[in-house]
Protein backbone atom coordinates (compact mmCIF):
# COMPACT_ATOMS: atom_id res chain seq x y z
CA MET A 1 12.16 -5.41 -6.76
CA SER A 2 16.25 -6.22 -6.94
CA GLY A 3 15.29 -4.99 -11.13
CA ALA A 4 14.09 -1.81 -9.49
CA LEU A 5 17.10 -0.73 -7.14
CA SER A 6 19.88 -1.83 -10.36
CA ASP A 7 17.66 0.46 -13.06
CA LEU A 8 16.68 3.87 -10.62
CA GLY A 9 19.97 4.12 -8.63
CA SER A 10 20.26 3.44 -4.83
CA ILE A 11 19.28 5.64 -2.36
CA GLY A 12 22.56 7.23 -1.33
CA SER A 13 22.96 8.27 -4.40
CA ILE A 14 19.77 9.95 -4.46
CA ALA A 15 20.43 11.95 -1.44
CA GLN A 16 23.45 12.54 -3.52
CA GLY A 17 22.15 14.55 -6.10
CA GLU A 18 23.07 11.41 -8.57
CA GLY A 19 20.06 9.72 -9.99
CA VAL A 20 18.74 12.64 -11.74
CA ALA A 21 17.92 11.60 -14.80
CA ALA A 22 15.72 8.45 -13.30
CA LEU A 23 14.11 11.12 -11.17
CA SER A 24 13.36 13.42 -13.82
CA SER A 25 11.68 10.88 -15.80
CA LEU A 26 8.79 10.27 -12.47
CA GLY A 27 5.72 11.03 -12.63
CA GLY A 28 1.73 10.95 -11.73
CA VAL A 29 0.35 13.52 -9.20
CA GLY A 30 0.67 11.82 -5.74
CA GLY A 31 4.15 12.16 -6.10
CA LEU A 32 5.75 8.11 -6.22
CA LEU A 33 2.67 6.51 -5.12
CA GLY A 34 2.46 3.49 -7.37
CA ASN A 35 5.43 3.36 -9.00
CA ALA A 36 9.24 1.88 -7.78
CA PHE A 37 10.44 4.39 -6.09
CA GLY A 38 7.66 4.41 -3.50
CA SER A 39 8.83 0.63 -2.22
CA ILE A 40 12.45 2.08 -2.03
CA LEU A 41 12.26 5.61 0.16
CA SER A 42 10.38 5.29 3.36
CA GLU A 43 7.19 7.79 2.87
CA ALA A 44 6.40 10.21 5.88
CA SER A 45 4.72 13.71 6.17
CA TRP A 46 4.34 16.46 8.08
CA ARG A 47 1.17 18.41 9.30
CA GLY A 48 -0.84 15.67 6.47
CA VAL A 49 1.71 16.68 3.66
CA SER A 50 4.02 13.71 2.79
CA PHE A 51 7.05 13.35 1.50
CA TYR A 52 10.03 10.55 1.52
CA MET A 53 13.06 10.20 3.80
CA PRO A 54 15.93 8.83 2.35
CA SER A 55 17.86 10.06 5.52
CA SER A 56 17.16 11.26 9.36
CA GLN A 57 19.14 11.39 11.42
CA ASP A 58 18.07 11.57 15.89
CA SER A 59 20.39 12.59 18.58
CA ALA A 60 19.86 11.16 22.30
CA GLY A 61 21.94 11.54 25.80
CA ARG A 62 22.23 12.93 28.89
CA ARG A 63 22.75 16.80 30.28
CA LEU A 64 25.76 16.60 32.08
CA ILE A 65 27.57 19.62 33.74
CA GLN A 66 31.13 19.25 33.75
CA ILE A 67 32.01 20.47 37.58
CA TRP A 68 36.19 21.30 37.75
CA PHE A 69 37.88 22.50 40.40
CA PRO A 70 41.68 24.59 41.08
CA GLY A 71 44.85 22.76 40.79
CA VAL A 72 42.77 18.83 40.64
CA ASP A 73 42.93 17.27 36.96
CA ALA A 74 39.91 15.37 38.38
CA TRP A 75 36.03 16.71 37.55
CA ARG A 76 32.82 15.87 38.66
CA ALA A 77 29.76 15.34 36.46
CA GLN A 78 26.03 16.89 37.84
CA ASP A 79 23.70 14.16 35.85
CA LEU A 80 20.60 17.50 35.13
CA GLY A 81 18.37 14.07 33.11
CA ALA A 82 18.14 12.96 29.76
CA GLN A 83 18.71 15.02 26.81
CA ASP A 84 16.05 14.55 23.80
CA GLY A 85 17.83 15.24 20.90
CA GLN A 86 17.11 16.86 17.89
CA ILE A 87 15.33 15.03 14.68
CA ARG A 88 17.49 15.89 11.17
CA VAL A 89 15.19 15.30 8.44
CA ARG A 90 16.43 15.53 4.63
CA GLY A 91 12.78 14.32 2.54
CA LEU A 92 12.32 14.49 -1.72
CA ILE A 93 9.46 15.44 -3.10
CA ILE A 94 8.86 13.43 -6.15
CA GLY A 95 5.81 13.90 -9.25
CA ASP A 96 3.99 16.07 -11.80
CA ASP A 97 2.48 17.80 -8.55
CA TYR A 98 5.96 18.75 -6.96
CA VAL A 99 5.43 22.71 -7.17
CA ILE A 100 2.29 22.30 -5.19
CA ARG A 101 3.55 20.03 -2.14
CA ALA A 102 6.24 22.17 -2.23
CA LYS A 103 4.06 24.99 -1.69
CA ARG A 104 1.62 23.13 1.22
CA MET A 105 5.21 21.83 2.78
CA ARG A 106 6.45 25.62 3.10
CA ALA A 107 2.88 26.41 4.68
CA ALA A 108 3.29 24.05 7.18
CA LEU A 109 6.56 24.68 7.76
CA LEU A 110 5.26 28.06 8.73
CA ALA A 111 2.84 27.11 10.82
CA ARG A 112 2.04 27.84 14.24
CA GLY A 113 2.86 25.49 17.36
CA PRO A 114 2.88 20.96 17.47
CA ALA A 115 1.98 18.56 15.40
CA THR A 116 2.77 15.35 14.33
CA LEU A 117 5.42 14.50 12.11
CA VAL A 118 4.79 10.41 10.66
CA HIS A 119 8.61 8.46 10.96
CA PRO A 120 9.02 5.43 8.64
CA TRP A 121 11.56 3.93 11.64
CA TRP A 122 9.93 6.15 14.91
CA GLY A 123 5.82 6.29 13.95
CA SER A 124 3.87 8.70 14.37
CA LEU A 125 5.67 11.79 16.80
CA ARG A 126 4.77 14.80 18.33
CA CYS A 127 6.83 17.20 17.12
CA ARG A 128 7.57 21.04 17.08
CA LEU A 129 10.12 22.55 14.44
CA VAL A 130 12.62 24.87 16.18
CA GLU A 131 14.87 25.29 13.10
CA PRO A 132 13.71 27.29 9.83
CA GLY A 133 12.96 24.94 7.08
CA THR A 134 15.20 25.12 3.46
CA ILE A 135 12.94 23.76 0.21
CA SER A 136 15.25 24.12 -2.23
CA PHE A 137 14.30 23.72 -6.18
CA ALA A 138 17.16 22.24 -9.25
CA GLU A 139 17.01 23.53 -13.07
CA ASN A 140 18.57 19.77 -13.67
CA GLU A 141 16.10 18.00 -10.72
CA ILE A 142 13.03 18.29 -12.87
CA ARG A 143 9.95 17.42 -10.83
CA VAL A 144 11.45 16.71 -7.00
CA ALA A 145 11.80 19.60 -4.39
CA ARG A 146 14.62 18.70 -1.40
CA PHE A 147 13.94 19.82 1.64
CA GLU A 148 15.62 19.76 5.08
CA ALA A 149 13.84 20.68 8.67
CA THR A 150 14.69 20.26 12.26
CA PHE A 151 12.27 18.91 14.54
CA GLN A 152 12.29 18.72 18.34
CA ARG A 153 9.58 15.61 20.29
CA GLU A 154 6.76 17.37 22.56
CA PRO A 155 7.37 16.29 25.90
CA THR A 156 5.25 13.57 27.11
CA THR A 157 2.92 12.29 30.02
CA SER A 158 2.55 9.20 29.13
CA VAL A 159 3.30 6.80 32.12
CA SER A 160 3.54 4.35 29.30
CA THR A 161 7.48 3.86 28.59
CA GLY A 162 10.00 1.62 26.66
CA LEU A 163 9.88 -0.90 23.59
CA PHE A 164 6.31 -2.16 24.10
CA SER A 165 4.51 1.41 24.13
CA GLN A 166 5.65 1.73 21.26
CA ILE A 167 5.05 -1.14 19.62
CA ALA A 168 1.67 -0.36 20.71
CA SER A 169 1.56 3.21 19.29
CA THR A 170 2.57 1.91 15.47
CA VAL A 171 -0.34 -0.29 16.05
CA GLU A 172 -2.87 2.02 16.72
CA ASN A 173 -2.16 4.20 14.36
CA VAL A 174 -3.01 1.46 11.66
CA LEU A 175 -6.14 0.72 13.05
CA THR A 176 -7.01 4.71 14.08
CA THR A 177 -6.59 4.99 10.41
CA ALA A 178 -8.15 1.89 9.38
CA ASP A 179 -10.99 3.27 11.04
CA ALA A 180 -10.79 6.72 9.38
CA LEU A 181 -11.37 4.38 5.28
CA VAL A 182 -14.50 3.28 6.74
CA ASP A 183 -15.58 6.15 8.04
CA GLN A 184 -15.52 7.62 4.42
CA ALA A 185 -16.76 5.10 3.13
CA ALA A 186 -20.12 5.58 4.55
CA LEU A 187 -19.69 9.08 3.65
CA ILE A 188 -19.30 7.89 -0.13
CA THR A 189 -22.16 5.48 0.55
CA ARG A 190 -24.59 8.14 1.84
CA ALA A 191 -23.70 10.61 -1.14
CA VAL A 192 -23.86 7.82 -3.65
CA LEU A 193 -28.03 6.80 -1.95
CA SER A 194 -28.93 10.25 -0.65
CA PRO A 195 -32.39 10.41 0.83
CA LEU A 196 -33.30 12.42 -2.96
CA SER A 197 -31.34 10.43 -5.60
CA LEU A 198 -32.83 6.78 -4.62
CA GLY A 199 -34.93 5.40 -8.12
CA VAL A 200 -35.72 2.49 -9.53
CA ALA A 201 -32.21 2.45 -11.81
CA LEU A 202 -30.33 3.21 -8.70
CA ALA A 203 -31.84 0.32 -6.22
CA ALA A 204 -30.75 -2.27 -9.28
CA SER A 205 -27.52 -0.90 -9.25
CA VAL A 206 -27.95 -1.62 -5.35
CA SER A 207 -29.30 -5.00 -5.68
CA SER A 208 -26.12 -5.60 -8.31
CA VAL A 209 -23.54 -4.94 -6.29
CA VAL A 210 -24.50 -6.62 -3.46
CA SER A 211 -24.62 -10.11 -5.91
CA GLN A 212 -21.35 -9.50 -7.48
CA VAL A 213 -19.94 -9.47 -3.55
CA SER A 214 -21.47 -12.06 -2.57
CA ALA A 215 -20.76 -13.83 -5.05
CA VAL A 216 -16.51 -12.90 -4.75
CA TRP A 217 -16.92 -14.28 -1.26
CA ASP A 218 -18.61 -17.61 -2.00
CA ALA A 219 -15.87 -18.32 -4.07
CA LEU A 220 -12.83 -16.46 -1.67
CA PHE A 221 -14.58 -18.96 1.43
CA GLY A 222 -15.55 -22.25 -0.98
CA SER A 223 -11.87 -22.51 -1.96
CA ALA A 224 -10.20 -21.43 1.61
CA PRO A 225 -9.13 -23.51 4.17
CA VAL A 226 -11.95 -25.51 6.44
CA ALA A 227 -11.42 -23.15 9.53
CA VAL A 228 -12.08 -20.04 7.14
CA GLN A 229 -15.37 -21.78 5.66
CA SER A 230 -16.93 -21.39 8.77
CA VAL A 231 -16.53 -18.02 9.20
CA GLY A 232 -19.20 -15.24 8.66
CA THR A 233 -22.67 -17.58 7.78
CA THR A 234 -24.72 -15.02 8.92
CA GLU A 235 -22.72 -12.04 7.20
CA ARG A 236 -22.49 -14.26 3.74
CA ALA A 237 -26.30 -15.50 3.87
CA ALA A 238 -26.68 -11.34 4.13
CA LEU A 239 -25.60 -10.97 1.55
CA ALA A 240 -27.40 -13.78 -0.64
CA ASP A 241 -30.70 -12.60 0.39
CA GLY A 242 -29.56 -9.68 -0.83
CA VAL A 243 -30.89 -5.38 -0.14
CA SER A 244 -34.66 -4.54 0.69
CA VAL A 245 -35.00 -1.18 -0.75
CA PRO A 246 -37.26 0.66 1.29
CA ILE A 247 -40.22 2.49 0.16
CA ALA A 248 -39.30 6.08 0.70
CA ASN A 249 -36.12 6.86 1.73
CA PRO A 250 -35.73 10.13 3.62
CA ASP A 251 -32.49 9.71 5.57
CA ASN A 252 -29.36 8.17 5.49
CA THR A 253 -31.32 4.99 7.34
CA PHE A 254 -30.57 2.47 3.92
CA ALA A 255 -27.11 3.90 2.66
CA ASP A 256 -26.01 2.66 6.02
CA SER A 257 -27.63 0.04 6.03
CA VAL A 258 -25.66 -1.02 2.88
CA THR A 259 -22.23 -0.07 3.94
CA THR A 260 -23.25 -2.57 6.91
CA LEU A 261 -23.95 -5.46 4.74
CA LEU A 262 -20.93 -4.91 3.07
CA SER A 263 -19.03 -5.09 5.90
CA GLY A 264 -20.11 -7.99 7.20
CA VAL A 265 -17.97 -10.73 5.93
CA PRO A 266 -14.55 -8.62 6.34
CA ALA A 267 -15.50 -7.57 10.06
CA ALA A 268 -15.96 -11.42 10.89
CA LEU A 269 -12.81 -12.78 8.80
CA ALA A 270 -11.05 -9.19 10.88
CA ASN A 271 -12.60 -10.77 14.42
CA ALA A 272 -12.35 -14.90 14.03
CA ALA A 273 -8.72 -13.75 13.07
CA MET A 274 -7.07 -11.03 15.83
CA PRO A 275 -7.42 -13.72 19.44
CA ALA A 276 -6.40 -12.28 22.76
CA ASP A 277 -3.24 -14.28 22.98
CA THR A 278 -0.46 -13.82 20.20
CA SER A 279 3.13 -14.70 19.92
CA ALA A 280 5.68 -11.88 18.59
CA VAL A 281 7.72 -14.28 16.00
CA ALA A 282 6.05 -17.46 13.63
CA ALA A 283 8.06 -19.85 12.78
CA ALA A 284 8.25 -21.05 9.23
CA THR A 285 5.40 -23.43 8.68
CA LEU A 286 2.69 -20.51 10.45
CA VAL A 287 3.58 -18.31 7.31
CA SER A 288 3.18 -20.87 5.02
CA GLY A 289 -0.42 -22.01 6.07
CA ASP A 290 -2.14 -23.61 8.96
CA VAL A 291 -4.29 -26.03 9.26
CA SER A 292 -5.70 -26.23 12.56
CA ASP A 293 -8.97 -25.29 13.97
CA ASP A 294 -8.36 -21.19 14.37
CA VAL A 295 -8.28 -18.83 11.58
CA THR A 296 -4.36 -17.07 11.73
CA ALA A 297 -4.23 -13.32 10.73
CA THR A 298 -1.91 -14.65 7.91
CA GLN A 299 -4.49 -16.69 6.42
CA ALA A 300 -7.13 -13.13 6.82
CA THR A 301 -5.22 -10.91 5.51
CA SER A 302 -5.11 -13.05 2.19
CA ILE A 303 -8.05 -13.79 1.80
CA LEU A 304 -9.24 -9.98 2.63
CA LEU A 305 -6.67 -8.46 0.31
CA SER A 306 -7.81 -11.02 -2.55
CA GLY A 307 -11.66 -10.16 -2.02
CA VAL A 308 -10.38 -6.11 -2.62
CA THR A 309 -8.74 -7.62 -5.83
CA SER A 310 -11.69 -9.97 -7.38
CA ILE A 311 -14.49 -7.36 -5.91
CA ARG A 312 -13.01 -4.81 -7.90
CA THR A 313 -12.46 -7.05 -11.09
CA ALA A 314 -16.27 -7.73 -10.46
CA ILE A 315 -17.50 -4.84 -10.61
CA GLY A 316 -15.42 -3.64 -13.44
CA SER A 317 -16.84 -6.16 -14.92
CA ASP A 318 -20.97 -5.77 -14.63
CA THR A 319 -22.86 -3.68 -17.30
CA SER A 320 -25.47 -5.31 -15.56
CA ALA A 321 -26.26 -1.46 -14.30
CA ALA A 322 -24.81 0.74 -17.70
CA VAL A 323 -27.60 3.46 -16.57
CA GLN A 324 -26.19 3.91 -13.13
CA SER A 325 -22.40 3.01 -13.99
CA GLY A 326 -20.80 5.55 -11.66
CA ALA A 327 -23.35 4.31 -8.61
CA VAL A 328 -22.42 1.04 -8.92
CA GLN A 329 -18.24 1.63 -9.83
CA ALA A 330 -18.68 3.97 -6.24
CA LEU A 331 -20.58 1.25 -4.52
CA GLY A 332 -17.80 -1.34 -5.41
CA LEU A 333 -15.19 1.53 -4.26
CA VAL A 334 -17.32 1.55 -0.85
CA ALA A 335 -16.38 -2.75 -0.87
CA CYS A 336 -13.66 -2.53 -1.47
CA VAL A 337 -12.38 0.29 1.36
CA VAL A 338 -14.09 -1.89 4.38
CA THR A 339 -12.64 -5.31 3.05
CA LEU A 340 -9.12 -3.50 2.79
CA ALA A 341 -9.78 -2.19 6.56
CA GLN A 342 -9.83 -5.30 7.83
CA ALA A 343 -6.74 -6.13 6.05
CA MET A 344 -4.73 -3.51 7.77
CA ALA A 345 -6.66 -4.26 11.06
CA THR A 346 -5.20 -8.57 10.66
CA GLN A 347 -2.00 -7.40 8.66
CA THR A 348 -1.34 -6.06 12.56
CA ASP A 349 -1.73 -8.99 14.33
CA GLN A 350 0.49 -11.51 11.63
CA ASP A 351 3.64 -13.17 12.87
CA TYR A 352 6.85 -12.91 10.86
CA ALA A 353 9.40 -15.30 10.70
CA SER A 354 12.57 -12.45 9.40
CA GLN A 355 11.96 -9.32 8.42
CA THR A 356 12.15 -10.30 4.66
CA ASP A 357 8.80 -12.00 5.57
CA ALA A 358 8.32 -8.64 7.29
CA ALA A 359 9.26 -6.25 4.20
CA ALA A 360 7.19 -8.70 1.86
CA ALA A 361 3.99 -8.20 3.21
CA ARG A 362 4.45 -4.48 3.46
CA ASP A 363 4.40 -4.35 0.37
CA THR A 364 1.96 -6.14 -0.69
CA MET A 365 0.25 -4.66 1.84
CA VAL A 366 1.39 -0.73 0.07
CA ALA A 367 0.52 -2.23 -3.50
CA ALA A 368 -3.23 -3.02 -2.36
CA ILE A 369 -3.19 0.22 -0.99
CA ASP A 370 -2.02 1.94 -3.57
CA ALA A 371 -4.05 0.25 -6.12
CA LEU A 372 -7.23 1.61 -4.20
CA GLN A 373 -6.01 4.56 -4.18
CA SER A 374 -5.70 4.03 -9.04
CA GLN A 375 -9.46 3.27 -8.06
CA ILE A 376 -10.78 5.99 -6.05
CA VAL A 377 -9.50 8.03 -9.68
CA SER A 378 -11.06 5.63 -11.81
CA VAL A 379 -14.43 6.38 -9.70
CA SER A 380 -14.18 10.01 -9.05
CA ALA A 381 -13.99 9.96 -13.25
CA VAL A 382 -17.60 8.91 -13.88
CA ALA A 383 -19.35 9.32 -10.38
CA ALA A 384 -20.62 12.49 -8.63
CA ILE A 385 -18.94 12.10 -5.26
CA PRO A 386 -16.41 13.92 -3.13
CA VAL A 387 -12.96 11.77 -2.56
CA SER A 388 -11.01 13.58 -0.66
CA GLY A 389 -11.62 12.59 2.24
CA LEU A 390 -11.33 9.55 1.40
CA SER A 391 -8.36 10.23 -0.70
CA ASP A 392 -6.85 11.71 2.22
CA ALA A 393 -7.35 8.86 4.48
CA VAL A 394 -6.16 6.16 2.00
CA LEU A 395 -2.68 8.46 2.07
CA ASN A 396 -2.77 8.10 6.13
CA ALA A 397 -3.38 4.62 5.91
CA ARG A 398 -0.25 3.84 3.73
CA MET A 399 2.17 5.52 5.78
CA ALA A 400 0.61 3.77 8.80
CA VAL A 401 0.88 0.32 7.83
CA VAL A 402 4.80 1.27 6.31
CA ALA A 403 5.74 2.78 10.21
CA ASP A 404 4.02 -0.29 12.24
CA ILE A 405 6.30 -2.93 9.72
CA SER A 406 9.20 -0.79 9.53
CA ASP A 407 8.99 -0.58 13.82
CA ARG A 408 8.58 -4.23 13.46
CA ILE A 409 11.05 -5.26 11.20
CA GLY A 410 13.90 -4.63 13.52
CA ARG A 411 13.41 -6.94 15.78
CA LEU A 412 13.00 -10.17 13.28
CA PRO A 413 16.04 -11.82 12.82
CA ALA A 414 17.41 -11.37 8.62
CA LEU A 415 17.82 -14.51 6.15
CA VAL A 416 20.65 -14.60 6.03
CA THR A 417 21.94 -16.91 2.17
CA VAL A 418 24.52 -19.48 2.27
CA SER A 419 26.30 -20.87 -0.55
CA LEU A 420 27.28 -24.38 -0.37
CA GLY A 421 29.18 -26.34 -3.34
CA ARG A 422 27.19 -29.64 -2.64
CA PRO A 423 24.92 -31.37 -0.13
CA VAL A 424 25.70 -30.91 3.61
CA ASP A 425 23.78 -32.00 6.34
CA ALA A 426 21.03 -29.73 7.77
CA TRP A 427 21.64 -30.24 10.87
CA ALA A 428 24.89 -29.21 10.48
CA LEU A 429 24.17 -26.07 9.02
CA ALA A 430 21.44 -25.01 11.50
CA TYR A 431 24.03 -25.87 14.34
CA ALA A 432 26.51 -23.50 12.36
CA VAL A 433 24.46 -20.84 12.57
CA ALA A 434 22.61 -21.30 16.10
CA GLY A 435 25.30 -22.20 18.07
CA ASP A 436 24.90 -24.98 20.60
CA VAL A 437 21.20 -24.21 21.66
CA SER A 438 19.78 -27.33 21.33
CA GLY A 439 15.99 -24.80 20.79
CA ASP A 440 17.50 -22.50 18.64
CA VAL A 441 19.34 -25.26 16.56
CA ALA A 442 15.66 -27.04 16.18
CA SER A 443 13.92 -23.85 15.61
CA VAL A 444 16.61 -22.96 12.90
CA TRP A 445 16.83 -26.44 10.91
CA ASP A 446 13.17 -26.32 11.07
CA ASP A 447 12.71 -22.96 9.38
CA LEU A 448 15.87 -24.17 6.96
CA ILE A 449 13.99 -27.33 5.77
CA THR A 450 10.45 -25.18 5.52
CA ARG A 451 11.35 -22.39 3.52
CA ASN A 452 14.15 -24.04 1.01
CA ALA A 453 11.56 -26.65 0.76
CA ALA A 454 14.14 -29.17 1.10
CA ILE A 455 13.30 -32.78 -0.30
CA HIS A 456 15.45 -34.40 1.66
CA PRO A 457 15.59 -33.45 5.27
CA ALA A 458 18.76 -34.54 5.84
CA LEU A 459 20.50 -32.74 3.19
CA ILE A 460 20.14 -29.76 1.47
CA GLY A 461 22.16 -27.99 -1.13
CA PRO A 462 24.05 -26.93 -3.19
CA GLY A 463 23.31 -23.85 -4.17
CA ASP A 464 22.82 -20.75 -2.68
CA VAL A 465 20.17 -21.41 0.70
CA ALA A 466 18.41 -19.21 2.50
CA VAL A 467 18.98 -19.88 6.79
CA LEU A 468 17.51 -17.90 9.27
CA GLU A 469 19.65 -16.09 11.74
CA VAL A 470 19.54 -15.87 15.45
CA LEU A 471 18.37 -13.16 17.37
CA SER A 472 21.61 -12.00 19.95
């Protein structure tokens, strides 16, 4: 990531009009999806039109009226309540299709009534546009459109307030978009296995895909921790048994059964990894792995993401059903979508030790979502299936994941890099960071040893050492 920053320039330089050469060299339909800027700038949307938000200003305070009296210097104040101020947004629309998306943004700014503003830091907000927005182009900024807009939050009638209501909002948004992905995957399966299209060759393609997916999960579970290996035995057995092709296919029953079969193992793994009680912040030892009897959200997310990659590779190299290659690729896409949806769900339950760990997990998930979007484009070129709904659902999922983890990053401790000229006592360094509270010192020392893979627990260094900062 440091290389991308040094090559492309800082966010501040982009916002001020510099770094134009780098911006003009970027292309691709869908803006920054899949290139370096996708992980630097913060993605947002207004009325479903996505853009990148390098900066945002939000005002908040009280509605006060000053009351003065003749001949008296002192004044009194009348408090009329909270002033939920305006949100001023500066956005960038970048890509080969920047003019098309700028037109869509203009139509969104002209639309009447409140709508959802997906904010990379505040999450999903119900807002109204209170001032006319501005969209600007420049001849020396090819493939770039800039716009500014001012929004006002809609009054909410919810009785849930405070920190945890915001946490639940971003998590719910991720789960909602993940559920939408599964719905779109089911529609793809119905399009492929429509009542009029099921034949011998297509039935063989379905069996081939199920067999490939079964082999992927057998391989991943075989090398997984013991706790994971006992999960989803019924679902894996069903995959191994394959599909029973009906004699007649009058409706979508067979298509829905295939979708259920492909999503069984990922759903079982997600259910095993999401217990009712979770902690807010995990120790670094939990992030690196666990040998307990429980399946952690970190383990489940990692296996599910590996499953997405392995299924994509396996289906892409499958030439046994070349006659129905489009159907094979489409059903492989369905298997990847339902697996990624479960990975998004488990990630909402994942614990992070630091801001760096959370950002790394976010980038990993965003990369997986971007790869899925590329897969959709590839499949649409060889299979006659409607993919626009799925593509929109993937974009919404990407923004929901970024908003959720960005919201959590602010509540996590940062990693501090300490340069040591010689080996020092790890306990002394932990005391220097954490102070005299024994509980904090112990946790900082444990993270220090684990994160830096110290050979000797008593000494650490020389060189740069990552230390977990204690939140005040």
